[in-house]
Each structure stands twice: as C-alpha cells, then as structure tokens.
Amino acid sequence: MWKRSDLKARAKSSFKRNYWKSVLVGILLTLLMGGGSTVASIAGSNTGMDEAYNNTYEVTMEDGQDKYIIPAPDLEEAQENDTVDSSVGLDNPIVIVVAVIVCILVFFVIFALCAVLAAFTFNPFEVGCTRFFLRNLQEPAQVGNIGYAFDNNYKNIAKTMFFRDMYTFFWTLLFVIPGIVKAYEYRMIPYLLADNPQMTKEEAFAESKRMMKGQKWRAFVLDLSFIGWYILSGLTLGILGVFYVIPYVRQTGAALYEALRYGTPQGAGNYNQINQEYV
C-alpha cells in the first residue's frame, strides 16, 4: 500500500537529481496539455469615438469678442445612415440568425482543429514527457524522451489517447462529476503507453481501470495535497510553479504509477522483469 509521503519523497529526490531537464520537460508537458484549448480574442477600435466627433452641430457661440464654431454633419448623409442602420441592425432577425450560424461554424472549425492537433501532436508529446518522468525515477533521463511516441507505435498511441480524451469529454457533459471520475479512471493510460507502446487501446483502458479501482479517491487526495504549493506558485506569479511545483507534481504522478503498477514506491527492480522495453 503506497503512502503520499513515500511517493513525494521519491519524486523529490528524482527530479532534483536531474533538475534542469525535469523543469524543461515539466514546462513542455504543461504547455502541451493546454495546447488543445483556444481562446478567441476580440480587438476593439475607435471608430465610435470618430463618429461621435463628426456628429456635432454647427453652432456659433459668442463669448464677448470670441466666437466658437462647431461643425455640423451632413443631414442627408445622416438620414441615409439611419435608414441603412434600421435595415441591417441587431433588431433584424435575419442578421441575428446568420450571426449565430457563423459563430457556431467558427466554434466547430476551431474545435476540430484543436482536436486534430491534440490527437496527432499534443497527446504523443504528452506520452513522451510521461516517459521522461518514468525513466527519471531510475536514472537521469534525457529530454529526447519526449519524442518517444513518434518512434514507437505512433498510430496506436495517438488512437488510444484520442479515445481517452473523447470518452472523458462525453462523460464530462454529464454534470461534470462523472467526467472527473472517469479522468481519474483513465489517469494511467499515458503512463501505460509510455511504459509499453505496444499495449492496445482495449488493454490500456482495462489496465488503467484495474489499477485505479479503489484508488481514485486516494489519488484525488494526493493531488489535493499540492494545493499549498499551487497557492505559493500563484503568489510568485508562477515562478515557483515553473522551477519547482510542476516537475515535482509530474514526478509524483510517475511515482504513483510505479507504485500501482509494480507494487513498490521505493524502487523499481521490477521494471527489468516485467517490461524489458522500458530499459
């Protein structure tokens, strides 16, 4: 039975032994896992202020001997603009329907592009970064491990990770909580693929489910135990997170996999016996 203190102690000693490479891979993994989300930004303009300036009236004001003249707009042009605005304004139902359809189409196009990037690029890199932290438990790992998935059964890894994301997404639609539960149930899939890229989709899902059976709550508490570090990271504008918290958390996740897969958080002599590919 694993203990949080044992996992954290093992993770801390492992990433400190290979500190700068662990920091780099931790940053890459965090960026990649957030790469599938796209935030749309809207740029404003000052045309409204220009129109307000132009729509002033010509008035002659006398203040003693001084006169102030404010230019007036072209009344015919203003009336024409009012007519056009009333025909294509937001109160026109046709304009509203077209705008909604365009927004929906843009959303789905962006969503599809993000899904493709996640399936064929981000997810394989996630498996490669995961392999780095697994190997780092045994010896100082190399940054080159992040490309591991592209050279080892890439199609199978991309397919399995795609279905992990898809299943998690659909479960999340059921009031979020089922999605969180399933996310913990599928948590070991990238580790399993990093450990054995020949494992099929069905085997990876079944093995992750088996490993996390009765462990989801304990894994949640393990994640929750880092909340103090996350708060400190926020207080330092993310600097502490980049140089300490991220690699610490990622390495602890690898230690959890080791404990659940091989039954010991204290070392992994079992790696050589169970999975020759790993070494």
Protein backbone atom coordinates (compact mmCIF):
# COMPACT_ATOMS: atom_id res chain seq x y z
CA MET A 1 0.00 0.00 0.00
CA TRP A 2 1.50 3.29 -1.09
CA LYS A 3 1.78 6.39 1.06
CA ARG A 4 1.76 10.01 -0.09
CA SER A 5 4.91 10.76 1.87
CA ASP A 6 6.79 7.90 0.15
CA LEU A 7 5.70 8.98 -3.33
CA LYS A 8 6.61 12.61 -2.72
CA ALA A 9 9.98 11.75 -1.22
CA ARG A 10 10.84 9.55 -4.19
CA ALA A 11 9.61 12.16 -6.66
CA LYS A 12 11.50 14.98 -5.00
CA SER A 13 14.81 13.14 -4.96
CA SER A 14 14.36 12.02 -8.58
CA PHE A 15 13.64 15.41 -10.11
CA LYS A 16 16.27 17.18 -8.02
CA ARG A 17 18.85 14.71 -9.29
CA ASN A 18 18.04 15.81 -12.85
CA TYR A 19 16.74 19.27 -12.03
CA TRP A 20 17.04 21.45 -15.14
CA LYS A 21 15.88 18.78 -17.58
CA SER A 22 12.93 18.00 -15.31
CA VAL A 23 11.99 21.69 -15.24
CA LEU A 24 12.16 21.92 -19.03
CA VAL A 25 10.06 18.80 -19.64
CA GLY A 26 7.57 19.86 -16.97
CA ILE A 27 7.06 23.18 -18.74
CA LEU A 28 6.66 21.46 -22.12
CA LEU A 29 4.13 19.00 -20.72
CA THR A 30 2.09 21.78 -19.12
CA LEU A 31 2.07 23.79 -22.35
CA LEU A 32 1.13 20.77 -24.44
CA MET A 33 -1.73 19.75 -22.18
CA GLY A 34 -3.11 23.27 -22.50
CA GLY A 35 -2.44 23.43 -26.23
CA GLY A 36 -5.76 21.92 -27.19
CA SER A 37 -7.72 24.89 -25.86
CA THR A 38 -8.10 28.03 -27.94
CA VAL A 39 -9.09 31.41 -26.58
CA ALA A 40 -10.67 33.81 -29.05
CA SER A 41 -9.74 37.49 -28.61
CA ILE A 42 -11.75 40.45 -29.93
CA ALA A 43 -9.97 43.66 -30.85
CA GLY A 44 -11.74 46.97 -30.38
CA SER A 45 -11.46 50.14 -32.47
CA ASN A 46 -12.00 53.85 -32.02
CA THR A 47 -14.48 54.30 -34.88
CA GLY A 48 -17.27 55.01 -32.44
CA MET A 49 -15.33 57.94 -31.00
CA ASP A 50 -14.63 59.25 -34.50
CA GLU A 51 -18.34 59.12 -35.39
CA ALA A 52 -19.25 60.91 -32.16
CA TYR A 53 -16.76 63.62 -33.02
CA ASN A 54 -18.15 64.04 -36.52
CA ASN A 55 -21.78 64.08 -35.44
CA THR A 56 -21.61 67.54 -33.87
CA TYR A 57 -23.63 70.53 -34.86
CA GLU A 58 -22.52 73.81 -36.35
CA VAL A 59 -23.18 76.35 -33.67
CA THR A 60 -21.75 79.84 -33.36
CA MET A 61 -21.19 80.83 -29.78
CA GLU A 62 -20.15 84.30 -28.74
CA ASP A 63 -18.27 84.92 -25.58
CA GLY A 64 -17.54 88.61 -25.56
CA GLN A 65 -15.48 89.09 -28.71
CA ASP A 66 -14.52 85.42 -29.19
CA LYS A 67 -16.52 83.08 -31.43
CA TYR A 68 -16.52 79.25 -31.34
CA ILE A 69 -17.73 77.26 -34.35
CA ILE A 70 -18.60 73.57 -34.08
CA PRO A 71 -19.00 71.82 -37.47
CA ALA A 72 -22.36 70.31 -38.37
CA PRO A 73 -22.95 66.96 -40.10
CA ASP A 74 -24.47 66.44 -43.49
CA LEU A 75 -28.15 65.95 -42.66
CA GLU A 76 -28.88 63.98 -45.80
CA GLU A 77 -25.99 61.61 -45.09
CA ALA A 78 -27.15 61.18 -41.50
CA GLN A 79 -30.68 60.35 -42.64
CA GLU A 80 -29.30 57.83 -45.14
CA ASN A 81 -27.18 56.20 -42.43
CA ASP A 82 -30.21 55.97 -40.16
CA THR A 83 -32.12 54.19 -42.92
CA VAL A 84 -29.31 51.68 -43.52
CA ASP A 85 -28.83 51.04 -39.81
CA SER A 86 -32.51 50.32 -39.34
CA SER A 87 -32.46 47.76 -42.16
CA VAL A 88 -29.36 45.84 -41.05
CA GLY A 89 -29.40 46.45 -37.30
CA LEU A 90 -29.36 43.92 -34.50
CA ASP A 91 -33.14 44.03 -34.35
CA ASN A 92 -33.28 42.32 -37.75
CA PRO A 93 -33.97 38.57 -37.13
CA ILE A 94 -32.21 37.53 -40.34
CA VAL A 95 -28.98 39.20 -39.20
CA ILE A 96 -29.24 37.54 -35.79
CA VAL A 97 -29.76 34.06 -37.29
CA VAL A 98 -26.85 34.49 -39.71
CA ALA A 99 -24.58 35.74 -36.91
CA VAL A 100 -25.46 32.78 -34.69
CA ILE A 101 -24.82 30.30 -37.52
CA VAL A 102 -21.47 31.89 -38.32
CA CYS A 103 -20.43 31.79 -34.65
CA ILE A 104 -21.40 28.12 -34.39
CA LEU A 105 -19.48 27.24 -37.55
CA VAL A 106 -16.39 29.12 -36.36
CA PHE A 107 -16.58 27.34 -33.00
CA PHE A 108 -16.76 23.90 -34.59
CA VAL A 109 -13.92 24.67 -37.01
CA ILE A 110 -11.68 25.80 -34.13
CA PHE A 111 -12.75 22.82 -32.03
CA ALA A 112 -11.96 20.42 -34.89
CA LEU A 113 -8.53 21.96 -35.48
CA CYS A 114 -7.71 21.74 -31.78
CA ALA A 115 -8.88 18.12 -31.66
CA VAL A 116 -6.66 17.22 -34.63
CA LEU A 117 -3.64 18.94 -33.09
CA ALA A 118 -4.26 17.26 -29.75
CA ALA A 119 -4.69 13.81 -31.29
CA PHE A 120 -1.67 13.85 -33.60
CA THR A 121 0.76 16.18 -31.81
CA PHE A 122 0.00 17.14 -28.22
CA ASN A 123 -1.03 13.69 -26.95
CA PRO A 124 2.02 11.85 -28.34
CA PHE A 125 4.23 14.52 -26.78
CA GLU A 126 2.37 14.01 -23.50
CA VAL A 127 3.24 10.32 -23.62
CA GLY A 128 6.87 11.21 -24.39
CA CYS A 129 7.06 13.63 -21.45
CA THR A 130 5.46 10.99 -19.25
CA ARG A 131 8.13 8.52 -20.32
CA PHE A 132 10.79 11.04 -19.31
CA PHE A 133 9.46 11.18 -15.76
CA LEU A 134 9.12 7.41 -15.60
CA ARG A 135 12.72 6.89 -16.63
CA ASN A 136 13.81 9.70 -14.34
CA LEU A 137 12.74 7.60 -11.38
CA GLN A 138 15.56 5.17 -12.18
CA GLU A 139 18.26 7.35 -13.68
CA PRO A 140 18.75 10.90 -15.00
CA ALA A 141 16.53 10.86 -18.09
CA GLN A 142 17.21 12.65 -21.36
CA VAL A 143 14.99 15.36 -22.86
CA GLY A 144 14.96 13.33 -26.09
CA ASN A 145 12.44 11.01 -24.45
CA ILE A 146 9.67 13.49 -25.24
CA GLY A 147 9.72 12.30 -28.86
CA TYR A 148 9.43 8.65 -27.88
CA ALA A 149 5.83 8.20 -29.03
CA PHE A 150 6.62 9.33 -32.58
CA ASP A 151 9.12 6.49 -32.99
CA ASN A 152 7.29 3.72 -31.15
CA ASN A 153 3.88 2.58 -32.38
CA TYR A 154 2.77 6.15 -33.01
CA LYS A 155 -0.62 5.27 -34.55
CA ASN A 156 -1.63 3.12 -31.61
CA ILE A 157 -0.60 5.77 -29.08
CA ALA A 158 -2.39 8.56 -30.95
CA LYS A 159 -5.55 6.47 -31.29
CA THR A 160 -5.63 5.39 -27.65
CA MET A 161 -5.03 8.90 -26.34
CA PHE A 162 -7.68 10.28 -28.71
CA PHE A 163 -10.28 7.90 -27.29
CA ARG A 164 -9.20 8.80 -23.76
CA ASP A 165 -9.91 12.46 -24.48
CA MET A 166 -13.16 11.73 -26.29
CA TYR A 167 -14.56 9.49 -23.55
CA THR A 168 -13.56 11.98 -20.86
CA PHE A 169 -15.22 14.82 -22.78
CA PHE A 170 -18.52 12.97 -23.21
CA TRP A 171 -18.55 11.87 -19.58
CA THR A 172 -17.91 15.48 -18.53
CA LEU A 173 -21.11 16.51 -20.31
CA LEU A 174 -22.99 14.55 -17.64
CA PHE A 175 -22.85 17.27 -14.97
CA VAL A 176 -19.00 17.32 -14.75
CA ILE A 177 -18.67 14.92 -11.80
CA PRO A 178 -18.74 11.73 -13.94
CA GLY A 179 -16.09 13.32 -16.14
CA ILE A 180 -13.82 13.87 -13.14
CA VAL A 181 -14.32 10.27 -12.01
CA LYS A 182 -13.52 8.96 -15.48
CA ALA A 183 -10.49 11.23 -15.76
CA TYR A 184 -9.06 9.50 -12.69
CA GLU A 185 -10.05 6.11 -14.06
CA TYR A 186 -8.14 6.84 -17.30
CA ARG A 187 -5.26 8.54 -15.48
CA MET A 188 -2.74 5.74 -16.02
CA ILE A 189 -3.24 5.44 -19.79
CA PRO A 190 -0.36 7.76 -20.83
CA TYR A 191 1.92 6.03 -18.32
CA LEU A 192 0.97 2.61 -19.63
CA LEU A 193 1.65 3.68 -23.20
CA ALA A 194 4.94 5.29 -22.20
CA ASP A 195 5.87 2.06 -20.44
CA ASN A 196 4.62 -0.25 -23.20
CA PRO A 197 3.65 1.43 -26.52
CA GLN A 198 2.55 -1.95 -27.90
CA MET A 199 -0.40 -2.08 -25.50
CA THR A 200 -3.68 -1.88 -27.43
CA LYS A 201 -6.43 0.60 -26.71
CA GLU A 202 -8.58 -2.03 -25.04
CA GLU A 203 -5.72 -3.26 -22.90
CA ALA A 204 -4.71 0.26 -21.86
CA PHE A 205 -8.24 1.21 -20.78
CA ALA A 206 -8.77 -2.09 -18.96
CA GLU A 207 -5.42 -1.94 -17.16
CA SER A 208 -5.86 1.71 -16.14
CA LYS A 209 -9.32 0.91 -14.80
CA ARG A 210 -7.90 -2.04 -12.85
CA MET A 211 -5.04 -0.01 -11.43
CA MET A 212 -7.29 2.87 -10.33
CA LYS A 213 -10.00 0.67 -8.83
CA GLY A 214 -10.27 1.73 -5.20
CA GLN A 215 -7.50 4.31 -5.74
CA LYS A 216 -9.35 7.24 -7.30
CA TRP A 217 -10.15 8.96 -4.01
CA ARG A 218 -6.62 8.46 -2.68
CA ALA A 219 -5.20 9.85 -5.94
CA PHE A 220 -7.54 12.83 -5.61
CA VAL A 221 -6.30 13.47 -2.06
CA LEU A 222 -2.73 13.18 -3.36
CA ASP A 223 -3.46 15.88 -5.93
CA LEU A 224 -5.18 17.99 -3.30
CA SER A 225 -2.10 17.83 -1.08
CA PHE A 226 -0.30 20.10 -3.57
CA ILE A 227 -2.78 22.93 -3.14
CA GLY A 228 -0.41 24.82 -0.84
CA TRP A 229 2.29 24.71 -3.49
CA TYR A 230 -0.17 25.97 -6.11
CA ILE A 231 -1.09 28.90 -3.88
CA LEU A 232 2.57 29.77 -3.37
CA SER A 233 3.10 29.46 -7.11
CA GLY A 234 0.29 31.95 -7.69
CA LEU A 235 1.78 34.36 -5.16
CA THR A 236 5.09 34.26 -7.07
CA LEU A 237 3.31 34.81 -10.41
CA GLY A 238 4.02 31.24 -11.48
CA ILE A 239 7.79 31.40 -10.99
CA LEU A 240 7.77 28.81 -8.20
CA GLY A 241 5.49 26.63 -10.31
CA VAL A 242 7.88 26.65 -13.27
CA PHE A 243 11.03 25.93 -11.29
CA TYR A 244 9.67 23.60 -8.62
CA VAL A 245 5.97 22.73 -8.41
CA ILE A 246 5.38 21.48 -11.96
CA PRO A 247 8.27 18.97 -12.10
CA TYR A 248 7.55 17.94 -8.51
CA VAL A 249 3.90 17.16 -9.30
CA ARG A 250 4.71 15.38 -12.58
CA GLN A 251 7.38 13.28 -10.96
CA THR A 252 4.97 12.35 -8.17
CA GLY A 253 2.49 11.15 -10.80
CA ALA A 254 5.16 8.86 -12.21
CA ALA A 255 5.90 7.56 -8.73
CA LEU A 256 2.19 6.82 -8.25
CA TYR A 257 2.14 4.82 -11.48
CA GLU A 258 5.21 2.88 -10.34
CA ALA A 259 3.55 2.06 -7.00
CA LEU A 260 0.27 0.93 -8.60
CA ARG A 261 1.85 -0.96 -11.48
CA TYR A 262 4.73 -2.65 -9.74
CA GLY A 263 3.65 -2.53 -6.13
CA THR A 264 6.51 -0.52 -4.71
CA PRO A 265 7.19 3.22 -4.43
CA GLN A 266 10.69 2.54 -3.13
CA GLY A 267 12.40 1.43 -6.31
CA ALA A 268 11.68 -0.41 -9.49
CA GLY A 269 13.71 -3.52 -9.79
CA ASN A 270 10.50 -4.99 -11.20
CA TYR A 271 10.88 -2.89 -14.35
CA ASN A 272 13.58 -5.15 -15.70
CA GLN A 273 11.45 -8.25 -15.11
CA ILE A 274 8.06 -7.01 -16.30
CA ASN A 275 8.90 -4.72 -19.18
CA GLN A 276 12.21 -5.14 -20.97
CA GLU A 277 11.21 -2.40 -23.44
CA TYR A 278 11.28 0.14 -20.66
CA VAL A 279 15.02 -0.17 -20.18
